[in-house]
Amino acid sequence: MNNRYIALIVGVFLGAIVTYLLVPNAPPPAPVDQAAETAPAETLRDAAGLTLKAVKERGYLQCGVTQGLPGFSNPDDKGNWKGMDVDYCRAVAAAIFGDDTKVKYRPLSAKDRFTALQSGEIDILSRITTWTMSRDTSLGFNFAGIIYYDGQGFMVRKSSGITSAMQLDGATICTQTGTTTELNLADFFRTMGMKYDVLAYEKNDEVSAAYDQGRCDAYTTDASGLYAERLKLKNPADHIILPEIISKEPLGPLVRQGDPQWEDIARWTLNVLINAEELGVTQANVEQMKSSDNPEIKRMLGSEGAYGDGIGLGKEWAAQAIAATGNYGEIFERNIGVNTPLGITRGLNALWKNGGLQYAPPIR
């Protein structure tokens, strides 16, 4: 062993002796307290029950919806709200109360919808709202998932002879304020090097009326919205929806940040509706399916495990939701499908195994 290594060993030995002599009472490293490490998460979960507690004490869910969009949220001639977004809220209420009628619907404009959620006037916003980064990160909201994959399009009069959005150079476009639509419109025309004028209104009915009166050449919003708004026109058959889709519009329900339990309830109610379609569980057979031998179905319907405990609900929360509204496919076809006045095909909203994008995490 050479002198260099001897000096190194001696130095380390002397340093240890000096440390012991100068700090004789130095405490040993504190043992890891496993309970302390898990306490923040448990504390957060305890605090997280506030929304569910408030909803239960109130006795009903407060759901924000549109001021009237057929197929998504629209009152019928008896004042009963119908549509995909409405059915989602009914499913949440059923999961909580076992009763899908325990919902009050708050019609909101695009401009007012976020303020209503931020202020606590509503518990969930289920109103054809596009999931964007700024809404997810800057407004204090979390999206529960995507209930409808959409994209922005244009509607024009057949008599105009326009068959493509590329023919809209110099056109006047009607749209709604307070949405992503205006920004997408600006991006599209700038990218294509075309000019346009815009007429923007706060309410959908105002936009439809202006377009129907001939105040603009085209109407732009989400394609699903165009199919719905066309039904309100004097002569729906006189109007066509152009083939171009100029944006991605993933629409979904959202909740306030800060209550992860409530976010879980919102997210997993949507997930279970999608999973139910994939597993063949329907509104008609949900009770029968509780005796299924399929372990996925057993977990979902509460005959195996206690998955409702994790979100503060009973073991049959999912069965209650499905019994109230049916699965995702049933909700789609009942409200906007090919046999409805809107006549929309599943397309991107088909299940993943059928070539679409709808896919939900498993319950296990």
Protein backbone atom coordinates (compact mmCIF):
# COMPACT_ATOMS: atom_id res chain seq x y z
CA MET A 1 0.00 0.00 0.00
CA ASN A 2 1.55 3.35 -1.01
CA ASN A 3 1.74 6.48 1.13
CA ARG A 4 -1.10 8.15 -0.75
CA TYR A 5 -3.68 5.52 0.32
CA ILE A 6 -2.33 5.40 3.89
CA ALA A 7 -2.78 9.18 4.20
CA LEU A 8 -6.33 8.93 2.89
CA ILE A 9 -7.34 6.22 5.39
CA VAL A 10 -5.77 8.12 8.29
CA GLY A 11 -7.58 11.30 7.27
CA VAL A 12 -10.96 9.63 7.22
CA PHE A 13 -10.30 7.99 10.61
CA LEU A 14 -9.23 11.26 12.25
CA GLY A 15 -12.21 13.12 10.78
CA ALA A 16 -14.59 10.63 12.32
CA ILE A 17 -12.90 10.98 15.76
CA VAL A 18 -13.10 14.80 15.60
CA THR A 19 -16.77 14.72 14.63
CA TYR A 20 -17.57 12.40 17.55
CA LEU A 21 -15.66 14.57 20.05
CA LEU A 22 -17.12 17.91 18.87
CA VAL A 23 -20.70 16.70 18.54
CA PRO A 24 -21.04 14.00 21.15
CA ASN A 25 -24.81 14.42 21.49
CA ALA A 26 -25.69 14.62 17.82
CA PRO A 27 -28.98 12.76 17.37
CA PRO A 28 -29.14 9.83 15.00
CA PRO A 29 -31.17 10.26 11.82
CA ALA A 30 -34.87 10.34 12.54
CA PRO A 31 -36.65 7.13 11.60
CA VAL A 32 -39.10 7.36 8.73
CA ASP A 33 -42.62 7.80 10.03
CA GLN A 34 -44.82 5.99 7.54
CA ALA A 35 -47.98 7.43 9.08
CA ALA A 36 -46.61 10.96 8.71
CA GLU A 37 -45.78 10.32 5.07
CA THR A 38 -49.33 9.26 4.27
CA ALA A 39 -51.00 11.91 6.42
CA PRO A 40 -51.04 14.69 3.78
CA ALA A 41 -52.86 12.46 1.30
CA GLU A 42 -55.36 11.39 3.94
CA THR A 43 -55.89 14.98 5.04
CA LEU A 44 -56.46 15.94 1.43
CA ARG A 45 -58.97 13.15 1.01
CA ASP A 46 -60.82 14.24 4.14
CA ALA A 47 -60.99 17.81 2.84
CA ALA A 48 -61.97 16.50 -0.56
CA GLY A 49 -65.37 15.28 0.61
CA LEU A 50 -66.75 18.80 0.93
CA THR A 51 -68.53 18.92 -2.44
CA LEU A 52 -70.15 15.51 -2.07
CA LYS A 53 -71.17 16.42 1.47
CA ALA A 54 -72.72 19.69 0.31
CA VAL A 55 -74.59 17.97 -2.53
CA LYS A 56 -75.98 15.32 -0.18
CA GLU A 57 -77.02 17.89 2.42
CA ARG A 58 -78.69 19.99 -0.27
CA GLY A 59 -80.44 16.93 -1.61
CA TYR A 60 -79.74 17.49 -5.29
CA LEU A 61 -77.00 18.11 -7.84
CA GLN A 62 -76.62 21.53 -9.48
CA CYS A 63 -75.70 21.09 -13.12
CA GLY A 64 -74.81 23.86 -15.57
CA VAL A 65 -76.11 23.33 -19.12
CA THR A 66 -76.67 25.32 -22.32
CA GLN A 67 -79.56 27.70 -22.76
CA GLY A 68 -80.95 25.28 -25.30
CA LEU A 69 -79.11 23.04 -27.78
CA PRO A 70 -81.09 20.08 -29.14
CA GLY A 71 -79.40 16.77 -28.56
CA PHE A 72 -77.12 18.03 -25.81
CA SER A 73 -79.18 20.08 -23.34
CA ASN A 74 -82.57 21.42 -24.28
CA PRO A 75 -85.95 21.64 -22.48
CA ASP A 76 -88.85 19.83 -24.14
CA ASP A 77 -92.38 21.24 -24.48
CA LYS A 78 -93.05 20.23 -20.86
CA GLY A 79 -89.93 21.92 -19.53
CA ASN A 80 -88.03 18.67 -18.98
CA TRP A 81 -84.36 18.87 -19.88
CA LYS A 82 -83.09 16.36 -22.44
CA GLY A 83 -79.77 15.62 -24.14
CA MET A 84 -76.37 13.98 -23.79
CA ASP A 85 -75.04 16.53 -21.32
CA VAL A 86 -78.25 16.29 -19.32
CA ASP A 87 -78.08 12.49 -19.24
CA TYR A 88 -74.55 12.67 -17.88
CA CYS A 89 -75.77 14.82 -14.98
CA ARG A 90 -78.63 12.40 -14.41
CA ALA A 91 -76.10 9.57 -14.21
CA VAL A 92 -74.05 11.45 -11.61
CA ALA A 93 -77.16 12.12 -9.54
CA ALA A 94 -78.17 8.46 -9.76
CA ALA A 95 -74.69 7.35 -8.69
CA ILE A 96 -74.94 9.57 -5.60
CA PHE A 97 -78.60 9.34 -4.63
CA GLY A 98 -79.90 6.33 -6.53
CA ASP A 99 -82.34 8.82 -8.07
CA ASP A 100 -81.62 10.59 -11.38
CA THR A 101 -84.31 13.20 -10.78
CA LYS A 102 -82.32 14.84 -8.01
CA VAL A 103 -80.77 17.39 -10.37
CA LYS A 104 -81.47 21.05 -10.95
CA TYR A 105 -80.36 22.44 -14.30
CA ARG A 106 -78.93 25.92 -14.62
CA PRO A 107 -79.05 27.29 -18.19
CA LEU A 108 -75.85 29.26 -18.82
CA SER A 109 -74.46 31.30 -21.69
CA ALA A 110 -70.95 30.62 -22.93
CA LYS A 111 -69.91 33.88 -21.29
CA ASP A 112 -71.33 33.07 -17.84
CA ARG A 113 -70.63 29.33 -17.57
CA PHE A 114 -67.16 29.55 -16.02
CA THR A 115 -68.12 32.19 -13.44
CA ALA A 116 -71.02 30.00 -12.30
CA LEU A 117 -68.68 27.07 -11.71
CA GLN A 118 -65.98 29.15 -10.04
CA SER A 119 -68.47 30.77 -7.66
CA GLY A 120 -70.05 27.46 -6.61
CA GLU A 121 -73.45 28.20 -8.16
CA ILE A 122 -73.17 24.82 -9.88
CA ASP A 123 -71.39 21.58 -8.95
CA ILE A 124 -70.66 20.39 -12.48
CA LEU A 125 -70.58 22.19 -15.81
CA SER A 126 -71.90 19.83 -18.48
CA ARG A 127 -72.26 22.24 -21.36
CA ILE A 128 -70.51 21.38 -24.67
CA THR A 129 -67.27 22.83 -23.31
CA THR A 130 -63.99 22.26 -25.15
CA TRP A 131 -61.08 20.90 -23.13
CA THR A 132 -58.17 23.29 -23.69
CA MET A 133 -54.92 23.86 -21.86
CA SER A 134 -55.82 27.33 -20.55
CA ARG A 135 -59.17 26.16 -19.20
CA ASP A 136 -57.50 23.18 -17.55
CA THR A 137 -54.62 25.15 -16.02
CA SER A 138 -55.60 28.80 -15.60
CA LEU A 139 -59.28 28.87 -14.64
CA GLY A 140 -59.12 26.50 -11.67
CA PHE A 141 -61.03 23.64 -13.34
CA ASN A 142 -60.44 19.98 -14.11
CA PHE A 143 -62.11 18.14 -16.98
CA ALA A 144 -63.67 14.79 -16.12
CA GLY A 145 -63.16 13.33 -19.59
CA ILE A 146 -64.43 13.64 -23.15
CA ILE A 147 -68.09 12.96 -23.70
CA TYR A 148 -68.04 13.97 -27.37
CA TYR A 149 -65.19 14.34 -29.87
CA ASP A 150 -66.09 17.28 -32.08
CA GLY A 151 -64.59 19.87 -34.41
CA GLN A 152 -65.56 23.30 -35.68
CA GLY A 153 -67.33 23.58 -39.03
CA PHE A 154 -69.42 25.91 -41.18
CA MET A 155 -73.06 25.99 -42.28
CA VAL A 156 -74.20 27.85 -45.40
CA ARG A 157 -77.31 28.18 -47.55
CA LYS A 158 -77.55 25.72 -50.40
CA SER A 159 -78.54 28.60 -52.66
CA SER A 160 -75.14 30.26 -52.09
CA GLY A 161 -73.46 27.62 -54.23
CA ILE A 162 -70.70 27.29 -51.62
CA THR A 163 -69.50 23.73 -51.18
CA SER A 164 -66.18 24.29 -49.39
CA ALA A 165 -64.88 26.52 -46.61
CA MET A 166 -62.18 27.62 -49.05
CA GLN A 167 -64.88 29.62 -50.85
CA LEU A 168 -65.59 31.82 -47.81
CA ASP A 169 -63.01 34.50 -48.62
CA GLY A 170 -64.59 37.89 -47.80
CA ALA A 171 -67.61 36.30 -46.14
CA THR A 172 -69.45 37.54 -43.06
CA ILE A 173 -69.53 34.81 -40.41
CA CYS A 174 -71.99 34.51 -37.52
CA THR A 175 -70.78 32.95 -34.27
CA GLN A 176 -71.11 33.04 -30.48
CA THR A 177 -68.94 35.08 -28.12
CA GLY A 178 -67.04 33.62 -25.17
CA THR A 179 -66.00 30.39 -26.92
CA THR A 180 -62.96 28.94 -28.68
CA THR A 181 -64.87 29.42 -31.95
CA GLU A 182 -63.74 33.00 -32.58
CA LEU A 183 -60.07 32.10 -32.06
CA ASN A 184 -60.32 29.07 -34.35
CA LEU A 185 -62.03 31.21 -36.96
CA ALA A 186 -59.22 33.76 -36.87
CA ASP A 187 -56.57 31.02 -37.09
CA PHE A 188 -58.25 29.38 -40.08
CA PHE A 189 -58.69 32.53 -42.16
CA ARG A 190 -55.20 33.78 -41.37
CA THR A 191 -53.66 30.41 -42.27
CA MET A 192 -55.57 30.31 -45.55
CA GLY A 193 -54.78 33.95 -46.38
CA MET A 194 -58.46 34.86 -46.58
CA LYS A 195 -60.43 37.80 -45.21
CA TYR A 196 -63.70 37.74 -43.30
CA ASP A 197 -66.01 39.79 -41.10
CA VAL A 198 -67.56 38.42 -37.94
CA LEU A 199 -70.91 39.00 -36.25
CA ALA A 200 -70.75 37.63 -32.70
CA TYR A 201 -73.65 37.22 -30.28
CA GLU A 202 -73.89 36.04 -26.68
CA LYS A 203 -76.64 33.43 -27.12
CA ASN A 204 -76.97 30.56 -29.58
CA ASP A 205 -80.52 31.58 -30.45
CA GLU A 206 -79.29 35.07 -31.36
CA VAL A 207 -76.66 33.60 -33.68
CA SER A 208 -79.20 31.30 -35.34
CA ALA A 209 -81.69 34.14 -35.80
CA ALA A 210 -79.07 36.43 -37.36
CA TYR A 211 -77.99 33.70 -39.79
CA ASP A 212 -81.59 32.78 -40.64
CA GLN A 213 -82.35 36.44 -41.37
CA GLY A 214 -79.50 36.56 -43.87
CA ARG A 215 -77.26 38.89 -41.86
CA CYS A 216 -74.25 36.65 -42.49
CA ASP A 217 -73.08 34.25 -45.17
CA ALA A 218 -72.12 31.38 -42.88
CA TYR A 219 -72.64 30.12 -39.35
CA THR A 220 -69.70 28.55 -37.51
CA THR A 221 -69.57 26.51 -34.31
CA ASP A 222 -68.87 22.90 -33.39
CA ALA A 223 -70.19 20.57 -36.09
CA SER A 224 -72.57 18.90 -33.63
CA GLY A 225 -73.92 22.34 -32.75
CA LEU A 226 -74.51 23.12 -36.41
CA TYR A 227 -76.65 19.99 -36.78
CA ALA A 228 -78.62 21.06 -33.72
CA GLU A 229 -78.99 24.71 -34.70
CA ARG A 230 -80.07 23.79 -38.22
CA LEU A 231 -83.21 22.25 -36.72
CA LYS A 232 -84.21 25.70 -35.42
CA LEU A 233 -84.10 27.41 -38.83
CA LYS A 234 -87.24 28.18 -40.82
CA ASN A 235 -86.30 25.75 -43.57
CA PRO A 236 -83.59 23.37 -42.29
CA ALA A 237 -83.37 21.52 -45.61
CA ASP A 238 -82.20 24.72 -47.32
CA HIS A 239 -78.87 24.64 -45.45
CA ILE A 240 -75.80 22.40 -45.65
CA ILE A 241 -72.84 21.81 -43.38
CA LEU A 242 -69.54 22.08 -45.23
CA PRO A 243 -67.13 19.12 -45.12
CA GLU A 244 -64.13 20.94 -43.62
CA ILE A 245 -63.43 20.60 -39.89
CA ILE A 246 -61.01 23.33 -38.81
CA SER A 247 -60.26 22.43 -35.19
CA LYS A 248 -60.24 19.78 -32.48
CA GLU A 249 -63.08 20.25 -30.00
CA PRO A 250 -63.00 17.56 -27.29
CA LEU A 251 -66.15 18.35 -25.29
CA GLY A 252 -66.54 17.26 -21.70
CA PRO A 253 -67.87 18.01 -18.22
CA LEU A 254 -65.70 19.90 -15.75
CA VAL A 255 -65.49 20.60 -12.03
CA ARG A 256 -63.61 22.98 -9.76
CA GLN A 257 -60.07 22.08 -8.74
CA GLY A 258 -59.32 21.34 -5.09
CA ASP A 259 -61.69 18.45 -4.46
CA PRO A 260 -60.17 15.27 -5.91
CA GLN A 261 -62.97 13.08 -4.60
CA TRP A 262 -65.57 15.08 -6.51
CA GLU A 263 -63.38 15.03 -9.60
CA ASP A 264 -63.17 11.23 -9.26
CA ILE A 265 -66.96 10.96 -9.05
CA ALA A 266 -67.37 13.08 -12.17
CA ARG A 267 -64.65 11.19 -14.09
CA TRP A 268 -65.64 7.66 -13.11
CA THR A 269 -69.32 8.19 -13.80
CA LEU A 270 -68.39 8.97 -17.40
CA ASN A 271 -65.91 6.08 -17.48
CA VAL A 272 -68.50 3.59 -16.27
CA LEU A 273 -70.97 4.63 -18.99
CA ILE A 274 -68.33 3.95 -21.64
CA ASN A 275 -67.20 0.70 -20.03
CA ALA A 276 -70.81 -0.45 -19.75
CA GLU A 277 -71.27 -0.17 -23.51
CA GLU A 278 -68.07 -2.13 -24.13
CA LEU A 279 -69.15 -4.87 -21.72
CA GLY A 280 -72.71 -5.09 -23.05
CA VAL A 281 -74.38 -3.75 -19.91
CA THR A 282 -77.51 -1.78 -20.79
CA GLN A 283 -80.31 0.04 -19.05
CA ALA A 284 -82.54 -2.98 -19.68
CA ASN A 285 -80.21 -5.76 -18.49
CA VAL A 286 -78.20 -4.09 -15.71
CA GLU A 287 -80.02 -5.96 -12.94
CA GLN A 288 -79.60 -9.29 -14.70
CA MET A 289 -75.92 -8.57 -15.35
CA LYS A 290 -75.23 -8.34 -11.62
CA SER A 291 -75.13 -12.14 -11.62
CA SER A 292 -72.68 -12.28 -14.54
CA ASP A 293 -69.56 -14.43 -14.22
CA ASN A 294 -67.48 -11.80 -16.01
CA PRO A 295 -65.14 -10.35 -13.34
CA GLU A 296 -65.07 -6.92 -15.04
CA ILE A 297 -68.84 -6.71 -14.91
CA LYS A 298 -68.93 -7.98 -11.33
CA ARG A 299 -66.49 -5.25 -10.23
CA MET A 300 -68.37 -2.56 -12.12
CA LEU A 301 -71.81 -3.47 -10.79
CA GLY A 302 -70.70 -3.96 -7.20
CA SER A 303 -71.12 -7.72 -6.87
CA GLU A 304 -67.38 -8.08 -6.33
CA GLY A 305 -65.14 -5.64 -4.45
CA ALA A 306 -66.07 -2.28 -3.00
CA TYR A 307 -64.90 0.21 -5.60
CA GLY A 308 -67.48 2.80 -4.62
CA ASP A 309 -65.67 3.25 -1.31
CA GLY A 310 -62.81 5.02 -3.06
CA ILE A 311 -65.11 7.81 -4.25
CA GLY A 312 -67.37 7.99 -1.23
CA LEU A 313 -70.32 6.17 -2.81
CA GLY A 314 -72.11 2.88 -2.28
CA LYS A 315 -71.16 -0.38 -3.98
CA GLU A 316 -73.99 -0.08 -6.53
CA TRP A 317 -73.17 3.48 -7.64
CA ALA A 318 -72.31 2.34 -11.19
CA ALA A 319 -75.37 0.10 -11.52
CA GLN A 320 -77.55 3.02 -10.41
CA ALA A 321 -76.03 5.30 -13.04
CA ILE A 322 -76.49 2.78 -15.86
CA ALA A 323 -80.04 1.96 -14.77
CA ALA A 324 -80.93 5.65 -14.94
CA THR A 325 -79.54 6.54 -18.37
CA GLY A 326 -78.24 3.44 -20.10
CA ASN A 327 -74.67 3.13 -21.33
CA TYR A 328 -72.76 5.64 -23.45
CA GLY A 329 -73.99 4.15 -26.72
CA GLU A 330 -77.61 4.29 -25.58
CA ILE A 331 -77.21 7.92 -24.52
CA PHE A 332 -75.63 8.82 -27.88
CA GLU A 333 -78.23 7.10 -30.04
CA ARG A 334 -81.17 8.38 -27.99
CA ASN A 335 -80.13 12.01 -28.21
CA ILE A 336 -78.11 12.65 -31.37
CA GLY A 337 -77.83 9.34 -33.25
CA VAL A 338 -78.78 8.47 -36.81
CA ASN A 339 -82.43 7.86 -35.88
CA THR A 340 -82.85 11.29 -34.27
CA PRO A 341 -83.52 14.60 -36.05
CA LEU A 342 -79.79 15.40 -35.78
CA GLY A 343 -78.83 12.16 -37.54
CA ILE A 344 -75.20 12.08 -36.35
CA THR A 345 -73.15 8.90 -36.91
CA ARG A 346 -70.83 7.63 -34.18
CA GLY A 347 -67.64 8.41 -36.12
CA LEU A 348 -64.87 9.36 -33.71
CA ASN A 349 -67.27 8.73 -30.85
CA ALA A 350 -67.50 5.01 -31.53
CA LEU A 351 -65.81 2.69 -29.06
CA TRP A 352 -62.09 2.14 -29.63
CA LYS A 353 -62.70 -1.47 -30.68
CA ASN A 354 -65.06 -0.20 -33.39
CA GLY A 355 -62.60 2.28 -34.85
CA GLY A 356 -63.50 5.26 -32.66
CA LEU A 357 -61.77 7.12 -29.83
CA GLN A 358 -64.02 6.31 -26.89
CA TYR A 359 -61.94 4.35 -24.38
CA ALA A 360 -62.24 4.24 -20.60
CA PRO A 361 -59.82 2.94 -17.92
CA PRO A 362 -60.89 -0.31 -16.26
CA ILE A 363 -62.53 -0.66 -12.87
CA ARG A 364 -60.25 -2.94 -10.90
